Amino acid sequence: MANGKPGDHPLTDLLKHGIRLFPDDICDSIVEINVIDPYAFQHDYEIGAVDWDGFNARYGEWIEWYRDGRFDVARAFLHGKLALANAIVNRKSPR
């Protein structure tokens, strides 16, 4: 089970421990999104009630992307995540 220690997950490695496993542009995008929306990469779920396809669609398959070197997929995922984070911020901003 995940415990949040270094080496546990590529996202927590970056966001909690400052360990940059992905190329710089991907790490920079992750940090940018996290600044805009600190909840963008956080999740709560009940054990046994996880819809993994929905979970991965929302939070990404970071371990697989890192292991397989599928950085293009990570970049595409982050592009959509950044657009969503910006849309949420713009919706909350007073006009």
C-alpha atoms as a PDB file:
ATOM      1  CA  MET A   1       0.000   0.000   0.000  1.00  0.00           C
ATOM      2  CA  ALA A   2       1.153   3.523  -0.770  1.00  0.00           C
ATOM      3  CA  ASN A   3       2.634   5.399   2.160  1.00  0.00           C
ATOM      4  CA  GLY A   4       3.797   8.724   0.663  1.00  0.00           C
ATOM      5  CA  LYS A   5       7.491   8.080   1.192  1.00  0.00           C
ATOM      6  CA  PRO A   6      10.068   8.912  -1.518  1.00  0.00           C
ATOM      7  CA  GLY A   7       9.938   6.352  -4.314  1.00  0.00           C
ATOM      8  CA  ASP A   8       6.289   5.521  -3.623  1.00  0.00           C
ATOM      9  CA  HIS A   9       4.685   7.398  -6.538  1.00  0.00           C
ATOM     10  CA  PRO A  10       5.980   9.847  -9.170  1.00  0.00           C
ATOM     11  CA  LEU A  11       3.467  12.563  -8.190  1.00  0.00           C
ATOM     12  CA  THR A  12       4.159  12.436  -4.463  1.00  0.00           C
ATOM     13  CA  ASP A  13       7.865  12.219  -5.229  1.00  0.00           C
ATOM     14  CA  LEU A  14       7.603  15.591  -6.975  1.00  0.00           C
ATOM     15  CA  LEU A  15       4.929  17.389  -4.967  1.00  0.00           C
ATOM     16  CA  LYS A  16       5.948  16.233  -1.474  1.00  0.00           C
ATOM     17  CA  HIS A  17       9.649  15.506  -1.814  1.00  0.00           C
ATOM     18  CA  GLY A  18      10.854  17.610  -4.790  1.00  0.00           C
ATOM     19  CA  ILE A  19      12.146  14.550  -6.653  1.00  0.00           C
ATOM     20  CA  ARG A  20      11.826  15.153 -10.403  1.00  0.00           C
ATOM     21  CA  LEU A  21      11.443  11.808 -12.178  1.00  0.00           C
ATOM     22  CA  PHE A  22       9.827  13.124 -15.356  1.00  0.00           C
ATOM     23  CA  PRO A  23      11.354  15.527 -17.900  1.00  0.00           C
ATOM     24  CA  ASP A  24      11.453  19.142 -16.716  1.00  0.00           C
ATOM     25  CA  ASP A  25       8.518  20.316 -18.859  1.00  0.00           C
ATOM     26  CA  ILE A  26       6.249  17.663 -17.332  1.00  0.00           C
ATOM     27  CA  CYS A  27       7.391  18.412 -13.773  1.00  0.00           C
ATOM     28  CA  ASP A  28       6.906  22.139 -14.376  1.00  0.00           C
ATOM     29  CA  SER A  29       3.371  21.506 -15.669  1.00  0.00           C
ATOM     30  CA  ILE A  30       2.510  19.362 -12.651  1.00  0.00           C
ATOM     31  CA  VAL A  31       3.717  22.084 -10.280  1.00  0.00           C
ATOM     32  CA  GLU A  32       1.877  24.793 -12.249  1.00  0.00           C
ATOM     33  CA  ILE A  33      -1.387  22.851 -12.116  1.00  0.00           C
ATOM     34  CA  ASN A  34      -0.901  22.137  -8.408  1.00  0.00           C
ATOM     35  CA  VAL A  35      -0.427  25.870  -7.726  1.00  0.00           C
ATOM     36  CA  ILE A  36      -3.619  26.739  -9.640  1.00  0.00           C
ATOM     37  CA  ASP A  37      -5.638  23.898  -8.141  1.00  0.00           C
ATOM     38  CA  PRO A  38      -4.069  22.248  -5.073  1.00  0.00           C
ATOM     39  CA  TYR A  39      -6.710  19.493  -5.266  1.00  0.00           C
ATOM     40  CA  ALA A  40      -6.024  18.582  -8.900  1.00  0.00           C
ATOM     41  CA  PHE A  41      -3.964  15.534  -7.976  1.00  0.00           C
ATOM     42  CA  GLN A  42      -5.584  14.623  -4.658  1.00  0.00           C
ATOM     43  CA  HIS A  43      -8.206  11.946  -4.286  1.00  0.00           C
ATOM     44  CA  ASP A  44     -10.402  10.363  -1.663  1.00  0.00           C
ATOM     45  CA  TYR A  45     -12.068   7.024  -2.123  1.00  0.00           C
ATOM     46  CA  GLU A  46     -13.516   4.164  -0.179  1.00  0.00           C
ATOM     47  CA  ILE A  47     -11.622   0.894  -0.291  1.00  0.00           C
ATOM     48  CA  GLY A  48     -13.417  -1.502  -2.600  1.00  0.00           C
ATOM     49  CA  ALA A  49     -15.449   1.265  -4.229  1.00  0.00           C
ATOM     50  CA  VAL A  50     -12.887   2.464  -6.758  1.00  0.00           C
ATOM     51  CA  ASP A  51     -13.786   2.727 -10.424  1.00  0.00           C
ATOM     52  CA  TRP A  52     -10.209   2.368 -11.694  1.00  0.00           C
ATOM     53  CA  ASP A  53     -10.986   3.498 -15.242  1.00  0.00           C
ATOM     54  CA  GLY A  54     -12.566   6.675 -13.898  1.00  0.00           C
ATOM     55  CA  PHE A  55      -9.816   7.050 -11.315  1.00  0.00           C
ATOM     56  CA  ASN A  56      -7.065   6.794 -13.931  1.00  0.00           C
ATOM     57  CA  ALA A  57      -8.922   9.119 -16.299  1.00  0.00           C
ATOM     58  CA  ARG A  58      -9.051  11.751 -13.569  1.00  0.00           C
ATOM     59  CA  TYR A  59      -5.653  11.317 -11.883  1.00  0.00           C
ATOM     60  CA  GLY A  60      -3.520   9.656 -14.540  1.00  0.00           C
ATOM     61  CA  GLU A  61      -1.495   6.480 -14.788  1.00  0.00           C
ATOM     62  CA  TRP A  62       1.742   8.044 -13.599  1.00  0.00           C
ATOM     63  CA  ILE A  63       3.580   4.897 -12.588  1.00  0.00           C
ATOM     64  CA  GLU A  64       2.933   3.268 -15.965  1.00  0.00           C
ATOM     65  CA  TRP A  65       3.810   6.434 -17.877  1.00  0.00           C
ATOM     66  CA  TYR A  66       7.068   6.748 -15.963  1.00  0.00           C
ATOM     67  CA  ARG A  67       7.959   3.053 -16.203  1.00  0.00           C
ATOM     68  CA  ASP A  68       7.174   2.856 -19.937  1.00  0.00           C
ATOM     69  CA  GLY A  69       8.601   6.275 -20.837  1.00  0.00           C
ATOM     70  CA  ARG A  70       5.243   7.371 -22.247  1.00  0.00           C
ATOM     71  CA  PHE A  71       5.909  11.043 -21.663  1.00  0.00           C
ATOM     72  CA  ASP A  72       3.807  12.107 -24.657  1.00  0.00           C
ATOM     73  CA  VAL A  73       0.735  10.624 -22.944  1.00  0.00           C
ATOM     74  CA  ALA A  74       1.615  12.432 -19.700  1.00  0.00           C
ATOM     75  CA  ARG A  75       1.989  15.711 -21.611  1.00  0.00           C
ATOM     76  CA  ALA A  76      -1.395  15.282 -23.292  1.00  0.00           C
ATOM     77  CA  PHE A  77      -3.017  14.435 -19.940  1.00  0.00           C
ATOM     78  CA  LEU A  78      -1.458  17.520 -18.319  1.00  0.00           C
ATOM     79  CA  HIS A  79      -2.584  19.738 -21.186  1.00  0.00           C
ATOM     80  CA  GLY A  80      -6.190  18.786 -20.460  1.00  0.00           C
ATOM     81  CA  LYS A  81      -5.647  19.038 -16.695  1.00  0.00           C
ATOM     82  CA  LEU A  82      -4.220  22.562 -17.064  1.00  0.00           C
ATOM     83  CA  ALA A  83      -7.186  23.652 -19.184  1.00  0.00           C
ATOM     84  CA  LEU A  84      -9.565  22.284 -16.551  1.00  0.00           C
ATOM     85  CA  ALA A  85      -7.685  23.968 -13.677  1.00  0.00           C
ATOM     86  CA  ASN A  86      -7.742  27.299 -15.532  1.00  0.00           C
ATOM     87  CA  ALA A  87     -11.453  26.932 -16.281  1.00  0.00           C
ATOM     88  CA  ILE A  88     -12.199  26.289 -12.607  1.00  0.00           C
ATOM     89  CA  VAL A  89     -10.179  29.328 -11.523  1.00  0.00           C
ATOM     90  CA  ASN A  90     -11.810  31.543 -14.146  1.00  0.00           C
ATOM     91  CA  ARG A  91     -15.263  30.361 -13.079  1.00  0.00           C
ATOM     92  CA  LYS A  92     -14.524  31.276  -9.433  1.00  0.00           C
ATOM     93  CA  SER A  93     -13.079  34.699 -10.257  1.00  0.00           C
ATOM     94  CA  PRO A  94     -15.422  37.674  -9.784  1.00  0.00           C
ATOM     95  CA  ARG A  95     -16.104  39.547 -12.985  1.00  0.00           C
END
